Amino acid sequence: DWRIVTLGDITALSQYGINSPSSQGNIYPMLRMNNIQDGSLDTTNLAYVELGSTEFEQYRLVPDDILINRTNSVELVGKSSIFQLSGDYVFASYLVRFRLTDEAYPLFVHYYLNSEMGQQILSSLATKGVSQANINPTTLKQRFLLPLPPLPEQRAIAAILSTWDEAITLTK
C-alpha cells in the first residue's frame, strides 16, 4: 500500500522564514540554519527578534513543522529538522517551513528527510554556486519524491526510529 509522492503532495503550507535583524535583547527566539544539527534543533546559540503580534503569528513555529535549510554551503544545504520545542519560536529567512497534510506523519517525513537517501535527494536538487548552494522550495515540492506508507505504518516506523534515537542518545 506504499505510494511514491512528492513533498508538494503532502504539503499544506510552505513558507520562507523571516528576514529581520536580531539581537540578544529582543523577545522571540529565532531558529537559524546553524540551529539545525544532525537532524535536531540546537538552541544553544539563538538569535532574538522583535516582532508585532501579526508578524509573530505569521512566522510562529508550531509542533511538527518541518524546517529545511534552503541556502548554505554545498555540504550543509538541505539540513532539516522537525520542530518539537515548547515555547514561542520563529524561523529565519534561510529556512523554509513545511506544514504537512493529515495524510503524512511529520516525524516519519522528518526521518526520511534525514536519511542517507533523503539527504542525497536534497543535495541533488540544490543549485550550486561559488560558495553556497540553494534549494528552491518550489522545486523541492515538485521533485522531492518519498515513499509514503499508510498512516498507521508511518507512525509505527517513526516510533521505532525514535526509540533507537533515544537509545543512541543515552549511550553517548
Protein backbone atom coordinates (compact mmCIF):
# COMPACT_ATOMS: atom_id res chain seq x y z
CA ASP A 1 0.00 0.00 0.00
CA TRP A 2 3.01 2.32 -0.15
CA ARG A 3 2.87 5.18 -2.64
CA ILE A 4 5.54 7.46 -4.06
CA VAL A 5 4.54 11.09 -3.55
CA THR A 6 6.16 14.46 -3.97
CA LEU A 7 6.77 16.67 -0.96
CA GLY A 8 4.24 19.02 -2.52
CA ASP A 9 1.57 16.31 -2.49
CA ILE A 10 1.74 16.20 1.31
CA THR A 11 2.39 19.91 2.00
CA ALA A 12 -0.40 22.09 3.37
CA LEU A 13 1.86 25.15 3.81
CA SER A 14 5.37 26.09 2.77
CA GLN A 15 6.92 29.38 3.77
CA TYR A 16 10.23 31.23 3.78
CA GLY A 17 11.42 32.43 7.17
CA ILE A 18 11.61 35.99 8.40
CA ASN A 19 14.28 38.46 7.35
CA SER A 20 14.58 40.62 10.42
CA PRO A 21 17.57 41.99 12.34
CA SER A 22 18.31 40.14 15.53
CA SER A 23 19.85 41.00 18.87
CA GLN A 24 20.02 39.42 22.31
CA GLY A 25 17.65 41.99 23.86
CA ASN A 26 14.65 41.15 21.67
CA ILE A 27 11.71 38.96 22.61
CA TYR A 28 11.27 35.99 20.25
CA PRO A 29 13.93 33.32 19.74
CA MET A 30 14.63 32.80 16.03
CA LEU A 31 15.91 29.49 14.71
CA ARG A 32 18.55 29.86 12.00
CA MET A 33 20.46 27.46 9.78
CA ASN A 34 23.15 26.92 12.44
CA ASN A 35 20.48 25.69 14.87
CA ILE A 36 19.87 22.56 12.76
CA GLN A 37 22.47 19.99 13.76
CA ASP A 38 22.31 16.32 12.77
CA GLY A 39 18.54 16.43 12.27
CA SER A 40 17.90 18.06 15.64
CA LEU A 41 17.36 21.61 16.82
CA ASP A 42 20.21 23.04 18.89
CA THR A 43 19.10 26.08 20.90
CA THR A 44 22.45 26.97 22.46
CA ASN A 45 23.15 29.85 20.07
CA LEU A 46 19.83 31.58 19.41
CA ALA A 47 19.18 34.97 17.90
CA TYR A 48 16.20 37.03 19.06
CA VAL A 49 13.87 39.33 17.13
CA GLU A 50 11.28 41.95 17.99
CA LEU A 51 8.00 41.42 16.11
CA GLY A 52 4.48 42.76 16.22
CA SER A 53 1.72 40.29 17.03
CA THR A 54 0.60 39.86 13.39
CA GLU A 55 4.13 39.22 12.13
CA PHE A 56 4.84 36.89 15.07
CA GLU A 57 1.77 34.80 14.27
CA GLN A 58 2.82 34.62 10.60
CA TYR A 59 6.25 33.14 11.47
CA ARG A 60 5.45 31.31 14.70
CA LEU A 61 6.50 27.68 14.65
CA VAL A 62 4.09 25.02 15.83
CA PRO A 63 4.89 21.43 16.80
CA ASP A 64 5.54 19.16 13.81
CA ASP A 65 6.58 21.96 11.43
CA ILE A 66 9.44 20.69 9.26
CA LEU A 67 12.35 23.09 8.73
CA ILE A 68 14.73 22.73 5.78
CA ASN A 69 17.87 24.79 5.29
CA ARG A 70 17.46 26.16 1.77
CA THR A 71 20.76 28.07 1.48
CA ASN A 72 24.16 27.08 2.84
CA SER A 73 27.42 25.50 1.75
CA VAL A 74 27.13 22.55 -0.63
CA GLU A 75 27.80 20.19 2.30
CA LEU A 76 25.16 21.75 4.59
CA VAL A 77 22.31 22.79 2.32
CA GLY A 78 19.28 20.57 2.89
CA LYS A 79 19.80 20.09 6.61
CA SER A 80 16.39 19.55 8.13
CA SER A 81 14.65 19.08 11.43
CA ILE A 82 11.22 18.84 12.98
CA PHE A 83 10.06 21.49 15.41
CA GLN A 84 9.06 19.92 18.72
CA LEU A 85 10.21 22.53 21.21
CA SER A 86 7.95 24.17 23.73
CA GLY A 87 7.73 27.94 23.74
CA ASP A 88 7.38 30.65 21.13
CA TYR A 89 9.90 30.46 18.27
CA VAL A 90 10.12 31.94 14.78
CA PHE A 91 12.44 30.98 11.93
CA ALA A 92 14.95 32.87 9.79
CA SER A 93 14.96 33.51 6.06
CA TYR A 94 17.42 30.80 5.04
CA LEU A 95 15.00 28.20 6.34
CA VAL A 96 11.75 27.01 4.79
CA ARG A 97 8.87 25.73 6.90
CA PHE A 98 6.74 22.85 5.66
CA ARG A 99 3.48 22.06 7.40
CA LEU A 100 2.15 18.72 6.21
CA THR A 101 -1.31 17.47 5.35
CA ASP A 102 -3.07 14.89 7.50
CA GLU A 103 -2.00 12.02 5.26
CA ALA A 104 1.65 12.40 6.29
CA TYR A 105 3.03 11.85 9.78
CA PRO A 106 5.59 14.65 10.29
CA LEU A 107 8.02 12.54 12.32
CA PHE A 108 8.10 9.90 9.56
CA VAL A 109 8.81 12.59 6.93
CA HIS A 110 11.49 14.06 9.21
CA TYR A 111 13.25 10.71 9.43
CA TYR A 112 13.10 10.25 5.67
CA LEU A 113 14.48 13.75 5.01
CA ASN A 114 17.40 12.99 7.33
CA SER A 115 18.06 9.51 5.95
CA GLU A 116 21.00 8.94 3.63
CA MET A 117 18.60 8.68 0.68
CA GLY A 118 16.70 11.83 1.68
CA GLN A 119 19.90 13.83 2.06
CA GLN A 120 21.16 12.60 -1.33
CA ILE A 121 17.92 13.73 -2.97
CA LEU A 122 18.08 17.12 -1.25
CA SER A 123 21.69 17.55 -2.35
CA SER A 124 20.82 16.61 -5.93
CA LEU A 125 18.12 19.30 -6.02
CA ALA A 126 20.48 22.04 -4.86
CA THR A 127 21.76 24.63 -7.29
CA LYS A 128 25.45 25.01 -6.58
CA GLY A 129 27.05 28.44 -6.65
CA VAL A 130 30.60 29.65 -5.96
CA SER A 131 30.43 29.50 -2.18
CA GLN A 132 26.84 28.49 -1.47
CA ALA A 133 24.14 26.17 -2.70
CA ASN A 134 20.41 26.82 -2.78
CA ILE A 135 17.33 24.60 -2.86
CA ASN A 136 14.31 26.29 -4.37
CA PRO A 137 11.22 25.35 -2.31
CA THR A 138 9.04 25.10 -5.43
CA THR A 139 11.49 22.64 -6.99
CA LEU A 140 11.66 20.80 -3.68
CA LYS A 141 7.88 20.39 -3.55
CA GLN A 142 7.74 19.24 -7.18
CA ARG A 143 10.79 16.97 -7.36
CA PHE A 144 11.49 15.58 -3.88
CA LEU A 145 9.97 12.10 -4.00
CA LEU A 146 9.39 9.98 -0.94
CA PRO A 147 7.75 6.66 -0.15
CA LEU A 148 4.55 7.08 1.83
CA PRO A 149 3.06 4.05 3.58
CA PRO A 150 -0.39 4.17 5.19
CA LEU A 151 -0.54 6.48 8.22
CA PRO A 152 -0.51 3.70 10.88
CA GLU A 153 2.65 2.29 9.32
CA GLN A 154 4.27 5.77 9.19
CA ARG A 155 3.58 6.13 12.91
CA ALA A 156 4.98 2.67 13.69
CA ILE A 157 8.17 3.29 11.70
CA ALA A 158 8.68 6.69 13.34
CA ALA A 159 8.14 5.17 16.80
CA ILE A 160 10.80 2.52 16.17
CA LEU A 161 13.27 5.11 14.89
CA SER A 162 12.53 7.39 17.86
CA THR A 163 13.24 4.51 20.24
CA TRP A 164 16.58 3.92 18.54
CA ASP A 165 17.41 7.63 18.69
CA GLU A 166 16.68 7.70 22.42
CA ALA A 167 18.88 4.63 22.98
CA ILE A 168 21.74 6.20 21.00
CA THR A 169 21.41 9.43 22.97
CA LEU A 170 21.57 7.52 26.27
CA THR A 171 24.77 5.72 25.24
CA LYS A 172 26.65 8.89 24.27
